[in-house]
């Protein structure tokens, strides 16, 4: 049963990732990969919140399925590599694309965890 829930949650998470990332990119009208950054930031906060408020079985299903399907490391790295490949001007942009979301992700996960524990 847990495997089925993880599969369903993963499908939902991946679908939501596509919808949210595309909506963010469309709304901001920019080539900068904000859609992926926003999705990963939301996912980081929610992962912290879930870990702080739920038992292990729920955490496994939500994290391994839904939120893992929602967030995306590989897309983030492809976008950073694309920026890097622009040459010297892209190197700084790629560094920002990698470092800023890492810091934001850590802060958002910590905030979600703190909120979850406080509830």
C-alpha atoms as a PDB file:
ATOM      1  CA  UNK A   1       0.000   0.000   0.000  1.00  0.00           C
ATOM      2  CA  UNK A   2       2.827   2.432   0.830  1.00  0.00           C
ATOM      3  CA  UNK A   3       4.407   1.841  -2.585  1.00  0.00           C
ATOM      4  CA  UNK A   4       1.145   2.682  -4.329  1.00  0.00           C
ATOM      5  CA  UNK A   5       0.758   5.864  -2.275  1.00  0.00           C
ATOM      6  CA  UNK A   6       4.333   6.918  -3.107  1.00  0.00           C
ATOM      7  CA  UNK A   7       3.689   6.340  -6.825  1.00  0.00           C
ATOM      8  CA  UNK A   8       0.435   8.327  -6.773  1.00  0.00           C
ATOM      9  CA  UNK A   9       1.977  11.118  -4.680  1.00  0.00           C
ATOM     10  CA  UNK A  10       4.963  11.240  -7.060  1.00  0.00           C
ATOM     11  CA  UNK A  11       2.706  11.592 -10.089  1.00  0.00           C
ATOM     12  CA  UNK A  12       0.776  14.389  -8.403  1.00  0.00           C
ATOM     13  CA  UNK A  13       3.993  16.115  -7.316  1.00  0.00           C
ATOM     14  CA  UNK A  14       5.557  15.935 -10.789  1.00  0.00           C
ATOM     15  CA  UNK A  15       2.368  17.270 -12.383  1.00  0.00           C
ATOM     16  CA  UNK A  16       2.209  20.153  -9.919  1.00  0.00           C
ATOM     17  CA  UNK A  17       5.889  20.924 -10.551  1.00  0.00           C
ATOM     18  CA  UNK A  18       5.234  21.275 -14.268  1.00  0.00           C
ATOM     19  CA  UNK A  19       2.167  23.474 -13.718  1.00  0.00           C
ATOM     20  CA  UNK A  20       3.733  25.754 -11.079  1.00  0.00           C
ATOM     21  CA  UNK A  21       7.107  26.165 -12.821  1.00  0.00           C
ATOM     22  CA  UNK A  22       5.446  26.963 -16.148  1.00  0.00           C
ATOM     23  CA  UNK A  23       3.065  29.452 -14.510  1.00  0.00           C
ATOM     24  CA  UNK A  24       5.931  31.242 -12.755  1.00  0.00           C
ATOM     25  CA  UNK A  25       7.985  31.462 -15.962  1.00  0.00           C
ATOM     26  CA  UNK A  26       4.952  32.728 -17.883  1.00  0.00           C
ATOM     27  CA  UNK A  27       4.095  35.310 -15.222  1.00  0.00           C
ATOM     28  CA  UNK A  28       7.637  36.667 -14.912  1.00  0.00           C
ATOM     29  CA  UNK A  29       8.390  36.608 -18.653  1.00  0.00           C
ATOM     30  CA  UNK A  30      12.082  35.975 -18.156  1.00  0.00           C
ATOM     31  CA  UNK A  31      14.664  33.484 -19.336  1.00  0.00           C
ATOM     32  CA  UNK A  32      16.100  33.202 -15.816  1.00  0.00           C
ATOM     33  CA  UNK A  33      14.953  29.840 -14.375  1.00  0.00           C
ATOM     34  CA  UNK A  34      12.663  31.283 -11.683  1.00  0.00           C
ATOM     35  CA  UNK A  35      10.079  28.524 -12.107  1.00  0.00           C
ATOM     36  CA  UNK A  36      12.476  25.846 -10.896  1.00  0.00           C
ATOM     37  CA  UNK A  37      13.736  28.053  -8.058  1.00  0.00           C
ATOM     38  CA  UNK A  38      10.187  28.754  -6.842  1.00  0.00           C
ATOM     39  CA  UNK A  39       9.188  25.081  -7.038  1.00  0.00           C
ATOM     40  CA  UNK A  40      12.282  23.993  -5.110  1.00  0.00           C
ATOM     41  CA  UNK A  41      11.745  26.739  -2.508  1.00  0.00           C
ATOM     42  CA  UNK A  42       8.131  25.706  -1.941  1.00  0.00           C
ATOM     43  CA  UNK A  43       9.209  22.073  -1.742  1.00  0.00           C
ATOM     44  CA  UNK A  44      11.980  22.863   0.756  1.00  0.00           C
ATOM     45  CA  UNK A  45       9.549  24.688   3.049  1.00  0.00           C
ATOM     46  CA  UNK A  46       6.935  21.934   2.803  1.00  0.00           C
ATOM     47  CA  UNK A  47       9.502  19.193   3.471  1.00  0.00           C
ATOM     48  CA  UNK A  48      10.518  20.967   6.675  1.00  0.00           C
ATOM     49  CA  UNK A  49       6.878  21.441   7.646  1.00  0.00           C
ATOM     50  CA  UNK A  50       5.990  17.782   7.031  1.00  0.00           C
ATOM     51  CA  UNK A  51       9.009  16.473   8.950  1.00  0.00           C
ATOM     52  CA  UNK A  52       8.147  18.764  11.850  1.00  0.00           C
ATOM     53  CA  UNK A  53       4.494  17.745  12.120  1.00  0.00           C
ATOM     54  CA  UNK A  54       3.915  14.168  10.971  1.00  0.00           C
ATOM     55  CA  UNK A  55       4.799  10.593  11.906  1.00  0.00           C
ATOM     56  CA  UNK A  56       7.424   8.652   9.951  1.00  0.00           C
ATOM     57  CA  UNK A  57       4.964   6.731   7.719  1.00  0.00           C
ATOM     58  CA  UNK A  58       3.357   9.949   6.511  1.00  0.00           C
ATOM     59  CA  UNK A  59       6.753  11.551   6.018  1.00  0.00           C
ATOM     60  CA  UNK A  60       7.912   8.641   3.851  1.00  0.00           C
ATOM     61  CA  UNK A  61       4.885   8.841   1.566  1.00  0.00           C
ATOM     62  CA  UNK A  62       4.831  12.614   1.282  1.00  0.00           C
ATOM     63  CA  UNK A  63       8.603  13.065   0.929  1.00  0.00           C
ATOM     64  CA  UNK A  64       9.468  10.082  -1.251  1.00  0.00           C
ATOM     65  CA  UNK A  65       6.420  10.592  -3.415  1.00  0.00           C
ATOM     66  CA  UNK A  66       4.819  13.975  -3.501  1.00  0.00           C
ATOM     67  CA  UNK A  67       7.551  16.403  -2.576  1.00  0.00           C
ATOM     68  CA  UNK A  68      10.340  14.466  -4.272  1.00  0.00           C
ATOM     69  CA  UNK A  69       8.200  14.456  -7.415  1.00  0.00           C
ATOM     70  CA  UNK A  70       7.487  18.167  -6.959  1.00  0.00           C
ATOM     71  CA  UNK A  71      11.057  19.369  -6.466  1.00  0.00           C
ATOM     72  CA  UNK A  72      13.720  18.879  -9.092  1.00  0.00           C
ATOM     73  CA  UNK A  73      17.476  18.740  -8.694  1.00  0.00           C
ATOM     74  CA  UNK A  74      18.237  17.588 -12.235  1.00  0.00           C
ATOM     75  CA  UNK A  75      16.312  20.404 -13.938  1.00  0.00           C
ATOM     76  CA  UNK A  76      18.016  22.914 -11.661  1.00  0.00           C
ATOM     77  CA  UNK A  77      21.457  21.574 -12.638  1.00  0.00           C
ATOM     78  CA  UNK A  78      20.638  21.549 -16.376  1.00  0.00           C
ATOM     79  CA  UNK A  79      19.525  25.175 -16.133  1.00  0.00           C
ATOM     80  CA  UNK A  80      22.716  26.109 -14.261  1.00  0.00           C
ATOM     81  CA  UNK A  81      24.845  24.279 -16.840  1.00  0.00           C
ATOM     82  CA  UNK A  82      23.047  26.124 -19.646  1.00  0.00           C
ATOM     83  CA  UNK A  83      23.882  29.435 -17.978  1.00  0.00           C
ATOM     84  CA  UNK A  84      27.507  28.314 -17.491  1.00  0.00           C
ATOM     85  CA  UNK A  85      27.819  27.368 -21.162  1.00  0.00           C
ATOM     86  CA  UNK A  86      27.136  30.978 -22.163  1.00  0.00           C
ATOM     87  CA  UNK A  87      30.816  31.608 -21.459  1.00  0.00           C
ATOM     88  CA  UNK A  88      32.371  34.144 -19.156  1.00  0.00           C
ATOM     89  CA  UNK A  89      29.181  36.185 -18.753  1.00  0.00           C
ATOM     90  CA  UNK A  90      27.228  33.055 -17.846  1.00  0.00           C
ATOM     91  CA  UNK A  91      29.641  31.846 -15.172  1.00  0.00           C
ATOM     92  CA  UNK A  92      28.515  34.392 -12.597  1.00  0.00           C
ATOM     93  CA  UNK A  93      24.880  33.816 -13.451  1.00  0.00           C
ATOM     94  CA  UNK A  94      25.344  30.052 -13.081  1.00  0.00           C
ATOM     95  CA  UNK A  95      27.019  30.545  -9.700  1.00  0.00           C
ATOM     96  CA  UNK A  96      24.092  32.674  -8.538  1.00  0.00           C
ATOM     97  CA  UNK A  97      21.633  30.072  -9.865  1.00  0.00           C
ATOM     98  CA  UNK A  98      23.353  27.365  -7.808  1.00  0.00           C
ATOM     99  CA  UNK A  99      24.247  29.238  -4.609  1.00  0.00           C
ATOM    100  CA  UNK A 100      21.164  31.420  -4.064  1.00  0.00           C
ATOM    101  CA  UNK A 101      18.660  28.540  -4.156  1.00  0.00           C
ATOM    102  CA  UNK A 102      20.896  26.474  -1.859  1.00  0.00           C
ATOM    103  CA  UNK A 103      20.842  29.208   0.770  1.00  0.00           C
ATOM    104  CA  UNK A 104      17.149  29.893   0.264  1.00  0.00           C
ATOM    105  CA  UNK A 105      16.340  26.176   0.366  1.00  0.00           C
ATOM    106  CA  UNK A 106      18.163  25.707   3.654  1.00  0.00           C
ATOM    107  CA  UNK A 107      16.434  28.741   5.167  1.00  0.00           C
ATOM    108  CA  UNK A 108      13.001  27.655   3.907  1.00  0.00           C
ATOM    109  CA  UNK A 109      13.461  24.086   5.149  1.00  0.00           C
ATOM    110  CA  UNK A 110      14.505  25.398   8.569  1.00  0.00           C
ATOM    111  CA  UNK A 111      11.484  27.736   8.628  1.00  0.00           C
ATOM    112  CA  UNK A 112       9.117  24.902   7.714  1.00  0.00           C
ATOM    113  CA  UNK A 113      10.670  22.639  10.327  1.00  0.00           C
ATOM    114  CA  UNK A 114      10.397  25.335  13.005  1.00  0.00           C
ATOM    115  CA  UNK A 115       6.764  26.018  12.103  1.00  0.00           C
ATOM    116  CA  UNK A 116       5.968  22.305  12.045  1.00  0.00           C
ATOM    117  CA  UNK A 117       7.473  21.766  15.479  1.00  0.00           C
ATOM    118  CA  UNK A 118       5.612  24.782  16.847  1.00  0.00           C
ATOM    119  CA  UNK A 119       2.218  23.504  15.660  1.00  0.00           C
END
